[in-house]
């Protein structure tokens, strides 16, 4: 069985949308919205209202000026939860 949720994305932008009950995850490229919703339900015991998926293209990198390459492409999912439900991994610490 393939792993659907790879890791939560903890960035400045993703922390800003947590206040709107939206959470970002790096997911498997072949995962669909139904599979992502099931994985969220199993792992975090919360319901998803909506899920938006985005395929993020890899960045171009230069290595010592001689070679250029790319980082890997990945798929990102933004999950919206109903009011009152939260995911503990995204708690903001002041």
N, C-alpha and C. Protein backbone atom coordinates (compact mmCIF):
# COMPACT_ATOMS: atom_id res chain seq x y z
N UNK A 1 0.84 -1.18 0.00
CA UNK A 1 0.00 0.00 0.00
C UNK A 1 0.88 1.24 0.00
N UNK A 2 0.59 2.15 -0.90
CA UNK A 2 1.40 3.36 -1.00
C UNK A 2 1.02 4.35 0.09
N UNK A 3 1.98 5.17 0.44
CA UNK A 3 1.73 6.21 1.45
C UNK A 3 1.13 7.42 0.75
N UNK A 4 -0.02 7.89 1.22
CA UNK A 4 -0.71 9.02 0.60
C UNK A 4 -0.15 10.34 1.11
N UNK A 5 -0.17 10.54 2.43
CA UNK A 5 0.36 11.77 3.02
C UNK A 5 1.84 11.59 3.28
N UNK A 6 2.67 12.40 2.64
CA UNK A 6 4.12 12.28 2.83
C UNK A 6 4.55 13.08 4.06
N UNK A 7 4.18 14.37 4.10
CA UNK A 7 4.49 15.18 5.27
C UNK A 7 3.67 16.47 5.23
N UNK A 8 3.46 17.08 6.40
CA UNK A 8 2.79 18.39 6.41
C UNK A 8 3.77 19.46 5.92
N UNK A 9 3.27 20.45 5.20
CA UNK A 9 4.11 21.54 4.73
C UNK A 9 4.01 22.69 5.73
N UNK A 10 5.12 22.97 6.40
CA UNK A 10 5.17 24.03 7.39
C UNK A 10 5.99 25.18 6.79
N UNK A 11 5.29 26.15 6.22
CA UNK A 11 5.93 27.32 5.63
C UNK A 11 5.22 28.57 6.16
N UNK A 12 5.75 29.74 5.85
CA UNK A 12 5.11 30.98 6.29
C UNK A 12 3.70 31.10 5.71
N UNK A 13 3.56 30.80 4.45
CA UNK A 13 2.26 30.91 3.80
C UNK A 13 1.26 29.89 4.36
N UNK A 14 1.72 28.67 4.59
CA UNK A 14 0.80 27.66 5.12
C UNK A 14 0.39 27.98 6.56
N UNK A 15 1.24 28.64 7.32
CA UNK A 15 0.89 29.02 8.69
C UNK A 15 -0.13 30.17 8.70
N UNK A 16 -0.12 31.01 7.67
CA UNK A 16 -1.09 32.09 7.58
C UNK A 16 -2.50 31.57 7.29
N UNK A 17 -2.61 30.52 6.50
CA UNK A 17 -3.93 30.00 6.16
C UNK A 17 -4.48 29.04 7.20
N UNK A 18 -3.67 28.69 8.21
CA UNK A 18 -4.16 27.84 9.30
C UNK A 18 -5.28 28.56 10.04
N UNK A 19 -5.21 29.89 10.12
CA UNK A 19 -6.25 30.66 10.80
C UNK A 19 -7.59 30.53 10.07
N UNK A 20 -7.58 30.17 8.79
CA UNK A 20 -8.80 29.96 8.00
C UNK A 20 -9.19 28.48 7.97
N UNK A 21 -8.57 27.67 8.85
CA UNK A 21 -8.80 26.22 8.94
C UNK A 21 -8.40 25.49 7.66
N UNK A 22 -7.31 25.93 7.02
CA UNK A 22 -6.76 25.26 5.85
C UNK A 22 -5.37 24.76 6.18
N UNK A 23 -5.09 23.51 5.81
CA UNK A 23 -3.82 22.87 6.14
C UNK A 23 -3.19 22.31 4.86
N UNK A 24 -1.85 22.46 4.74
CA UNK A 24 -1.14 22.02 3.53
C UNK A 24 -0.34 20.76 3.81
N UNK A 25 -0.36 19.85 2.84
CA UNK A 25 0.37 18.59 2.94
C UNK A 25 1.06 18.30 1.62
N UNK A 26 2.23 17.67 1.71
CA UNK A 26 2.88 17.10 0.54
C UNK A 26 2.32 15.70 0.41
N UNK A 27 1.77 15.36 -0.77
CA UNK A 27 1.11 14.08 -0.96
C UNK A 27 1.74 13.32 -2.13
N UNK A 28 1.39 12.05 -2.23
CA UNK A 28 1.86 11.20 -3.33
C UNK A 28 1.33 11.75 -4.65
N UNK A 29 2.16 11.72 -5.70
CA UNK A 29 1.75 12.26 -7.00
C UNK A 29 0.53 11.59 -7.59
N UNK A 30 0.35 10.31 -7.31
CA UNK A 30 -0.77 9.58 -7.91
C UNK A 30 -2.03 9.58 -7.04
N UNK A 31 -1.99 10.26 -5.89
CA UNK A 31 -3.14 10.27 -4.98
C UNK A 31 -4.23 11.21 -5.51
N UNK A 32 -5.49 10.78 -5.37
CA UNK A 32 -6.60 11.65 -5.76
C UNK A 32 -7.24 12.24 -4.50
N UNK A 33 -8.25 13.09 -4.68
CA UNK A 33 -8.85 13.81 -3.56
C UNK A 33 -9.56 12.87 -2.58
N UNK A 34 -10.18 11.83 -3.08
CA UNK A 34 -10.87 10.87 -2.22
C UNK A 34 -9.86 10.14 -1.33
N UNK A 35 -8.76 9.72 -1.90
CA UNK A 35 -7.72 9.03 -1.14
C UNK A 35 -7.10 9.95 -0.09
N UNK A 36 -6.90 11.21 -0.46
CA UNK A 36 -6.34 12.19 0.48
C UNK A 36 -7.30 12.41 1.65
N UNK A 37 -8.60 12.53 1.36
CA UNK A 37 -9.60 12.73 2.41
C UNK A 37 -9.63 11.53 3.36
N UNK A 38 -9.54 10.33 2.84
CA UNK A 38 -9.52 9.13 3.67
C UNK A 38 -8.27 9.08 4.56
N UNK A 39 -7.12 9.46 3.99
CA UNK A 39 -5.88 9.46 4.75
C UNK A 39 -5.91 10.50 5.87
N UNK A 40 -6.49 11.66 5.60
CA UNK A 40 -6.62 12.70 6.63
C UNK A 40 -7.52 12.20 7.76
N UNK A 41 -8.62 11.54 7.38
CA UNK A 41 -9.57 11.00 8.37
C UNK A 41 -8.90 9.95 9.25
N UNK A 42 -8.12 9.05 8.65
CA UNK A 42 -7.45 7.99 9.41
C UNK A 42 -6.35 8.53 10.32
N UNK A 43 -5.51 9.41 9.77
CA UNK A 43 -4.32 9.84 10.50
C UNK A 43 -4.63 10.89 11.56
N UNK A 44 -5.51 11.85 11.26
CA UNK A 44 -5.75 12.97 12.17
C UNK A 44 -7.14 12.96 12.80
N UNK A 45 -8.01 12.05 12.38
CA UNK A 45 -9.37 11.92 12.92
C UNK A 45 -10.18 13.21 12.79
N UNK A 46 -10.09 13.84 11.60
CA UNK A 46 -10.86 15.04 11.28
C UNK A 46 -11.51 14.85 9.91
N UNK A 47 -12.59 15.60 9.65
CA UNK A 47 -13.28 15.54 8.37
C UNK A 47 -12.80 16.68 7.48
N UNK A 48 -12.70 16.43 6.20
CA UNK A 48 -12.31 17.46 5.24
C UNK A 48 -13.54 17.98 4.50
N UNK A 49 -13.70 19.31 4.48
CA UNK A 49 -14.80 19.91 3.72
C UNK A 49 -14.44 19.95 2.24
N UNK A 50 -13.23 20.46 1.96
CA UNK A 50 -12.78 20.51 0.57
C UNK A 50 -11.28 20.26 0.51
N UNK A 51 -10.84 19.80 -0.66
CA UNK A 51 -9.43 19.53 -0.89
C UNK A 51 -9.05 20.12 -2.24
N UNK A 52 -7.98 20.90 -2.25
CA UNK A 52 -7.45 21.45 -3.49
C UNK A 52 -6.07 20.85 -3.70
N UNK A 53 -5.80 20.34 -4.90
CA UNK A 53 -4.50 19.75 -5.19
C UNK A 53 -3.76 20.59 -6.21
N UNK A 54 -2.45 20.69 -6.04
CA UNK A 54 -1.60 21.48 -6.91
C UNK A 54 -0.34 20.67 -7.21
N UNK A 55 0.05 20.59 -8.47
CA UNK A 55 1.32 19.97 -8.82
C UNK A 55 2.36 21.07 -8.92
N UNK A 56 3.35 21.03 -8.03
CA UNK A 56 4.38 22.07 -7.95
C UNK A 56 5.57 21.61 -8.78
N UNK A 57 5.98 22.44 -9.73
CA UNK A 57 7.13 22.13 -10.57
C UNK A 57 8.42 22.34 -9.80
N UNK A 58 9.43 21.52 -10.08
CA UNK A 58 10.72 21.63 -9.42
C UNK A 58 11.47 22.87 -9.86
N UNK A 59 12.31 23.38 -8.97
CA UNK A 59 13.09 24.58 -9.26
C UNK A 59 14.36 24.22 -10.03
N UNK A 60 14.83 25.13 -10.85
CA UNK A 60 16.09 24.93 -11.56
C UNK A 60 17.23 25.33 -10.64
N UNK A 61 18.21 24.46 -10.51
CA UNK A 61 19.36 24.69 -9.64
C UNK A 61 20.65 24.62 -10.46
N UNK A 62 21.63 25.45 -10.11
CA UNK A 62 22.95 25.41 -10.74
C UNK A 62 23.94 24.83 -9.74
N UNK A 63 24.84 23.98 -10.23
CA UNK A 63 25.85 23.36 -9.39
C UNK A 63 27.22 23.87 -9.79
N UNK A 64 27.77 24.76 -8.98
CA UNK A 64 29.11 25.33 -9.19
C UNK A 64 29.28 25.96 -10.57
N UNK A 65 28.23 26.43 -11.15
CA UNK A 65 28.29 27.14 -12.41
C UNK A 65 28.47 26.27 -13.63
N UNK A 66 28.69 24.99 -13.47
CA UNK A 66 28.96 24.12 -14.60
C UNK A 66 27.72 23.36 -15.06
N UNK A 67 27.02 22.77 -14.11
CA UNK A 67 25.87 21.95 -14.45
C UNK A 67 24.60 22.59 -13.92
N UNK A 68 23.52 22.36 -14.61
CA UNK A 68 22.24 22.81 -14.08
C UNK A 68 21.30 21.61 -14.04
N UNK A 69 20.41 21.64 -13.08
CA UNK A 69 19.47 20.55 -12.92
C UNK A 69 18.19 21.06 -12.30
N UNK A 70 17.32 20.15 -11.96
CA UNK A 70 16.03 20.52 -11.35
C UNK A 70 15.82 19.71 -10.08
N UNK A 71 15.06 20.31 -9.16
CA UNK A 71 14.58 19.54 -8.02
C UNK A 71 13.35 18.77 -8.47
N UNK A 72 12.92 17.82 -7.69
CA UNK A 72 11.78 16.98 -8.09
C UNK A 72 10.47 17.75 -8.03
N UNK A 73 9.57 17.42 -8.94
CA UNK A 73 8.21 17.93 -8.87
C UNK A 73 7.50 17.22 -7.72
N UNK A 74 6.51 17.89 -7.11
CA UNK A 74 5.73 17.24 -6.07
C UNK A 74 4.30 17.74 -6.10
N UNK A 75 3.43 17.01 -5.44
CA UNK A 75 2.02 17.35 -5.39
C UNK A 75 1.68 17.85 -3.99
N UNK A 76 0.95 18.95 -3.95
CA UNK A 76 0.57 19.57 -2.69
C UNK A 76 -0.95 19.55 -2.58
N UNK A 77 -1.45 19.31 -1.37
CA UNK A 77 -2.89 19.33 -1.12
C UNK A 77 -3.19 20.34 -0.02
N UNK A 78 -4.19 21.20 -0.26
CA UNK A 78 -4.65 22.14 0.75
C UNK A 78 -6.02 21.64 1.20
N UNK A 79 -6.10 21.26 2.48
CA UNK A 79 -7.30 20.65 3.04
C UNK A 79 -8.02 21.66 3.93
N UNK A 80 -9.32 21.87 3.68
CA UNK A 80 -10.14 22.75 4.50
C UNK A 80 -10.96 21.91 5.47
N UNK A 81 -10.90 22.28 6.75
CA UNK A 81 -11.64 21.57 7.79
C UNK A 81 -12.81 22.40 8.28
N UNK A 82 -13.84 21.76 8.84
CA UNK A 82 -14.96 22.52 9.40
C UNK A 82 -14.52 23.27 10.66
N UNK A 83 -15.30 24.29 11.04
CA UNK A 83 -14.98 25.06 12.24
C UNK A 83 -15.00 24.14 13.46
N UNK A 84 -14.05 24.37 14.35
CA UNK A 84 -13.98 23.58 15.57
C UNK A 84 -13.02 22.40 15.49
N UNK A 85 -12.62 21.99 14.29
CA UNK A 85 -11.66 20.89 14.13
C UNK A 85 -10.30 21.47 13.78
N UNK A 86 -9.26 20.91 14.39
CA UNK A 86 -7.89 21.37 14.16
C UNK A 86 -6.96 20.19 14.07
N UNK A 87 -5.79 20.42 13.49
CA UNK A 87 -4.74 19.41 13.42
C UNK A 87 -3.60 19.89 14.30
N UNK A 88 -3.18 19.06 15.25
CA UNK A 88 -2.19 19.46 16.25
C UNK A 88 -0.79 19.73 15.67
N UNK A 89 -0.44 19.10 14.55
CA UNK A 89 0.89 19.28 13.95
C UNK A 89 1.11 20.73 13.49
N UNK A 90 0.05 21.46 13.28
CA UNK A 90 0.15 22.81 12.75
C UNK A 90 -0.03 23.88 13.83
N UNK A 91 0.10 23.54 15.09
CA UNK A 91 -0.12 24.53 16.15
C UNK A 91 0.95 25.61 16.08
N UNK A 92 0.54 26.86 16.21
CA UNK A 92 1.45 27.99 16.12
C UNK A 92 1.98 28.27 17.53
N UNK A 93 3.30 28.28 17.65
CA UNK A 93 3.93 28.51 18.94
C UNK A 93 4.51 29.92 18.95
N UNK A 94 4.09 30.72 19.91
CA UNK A 94 4.60 32.10 20.01
C UNK A 94 5.73 32.19 21.01
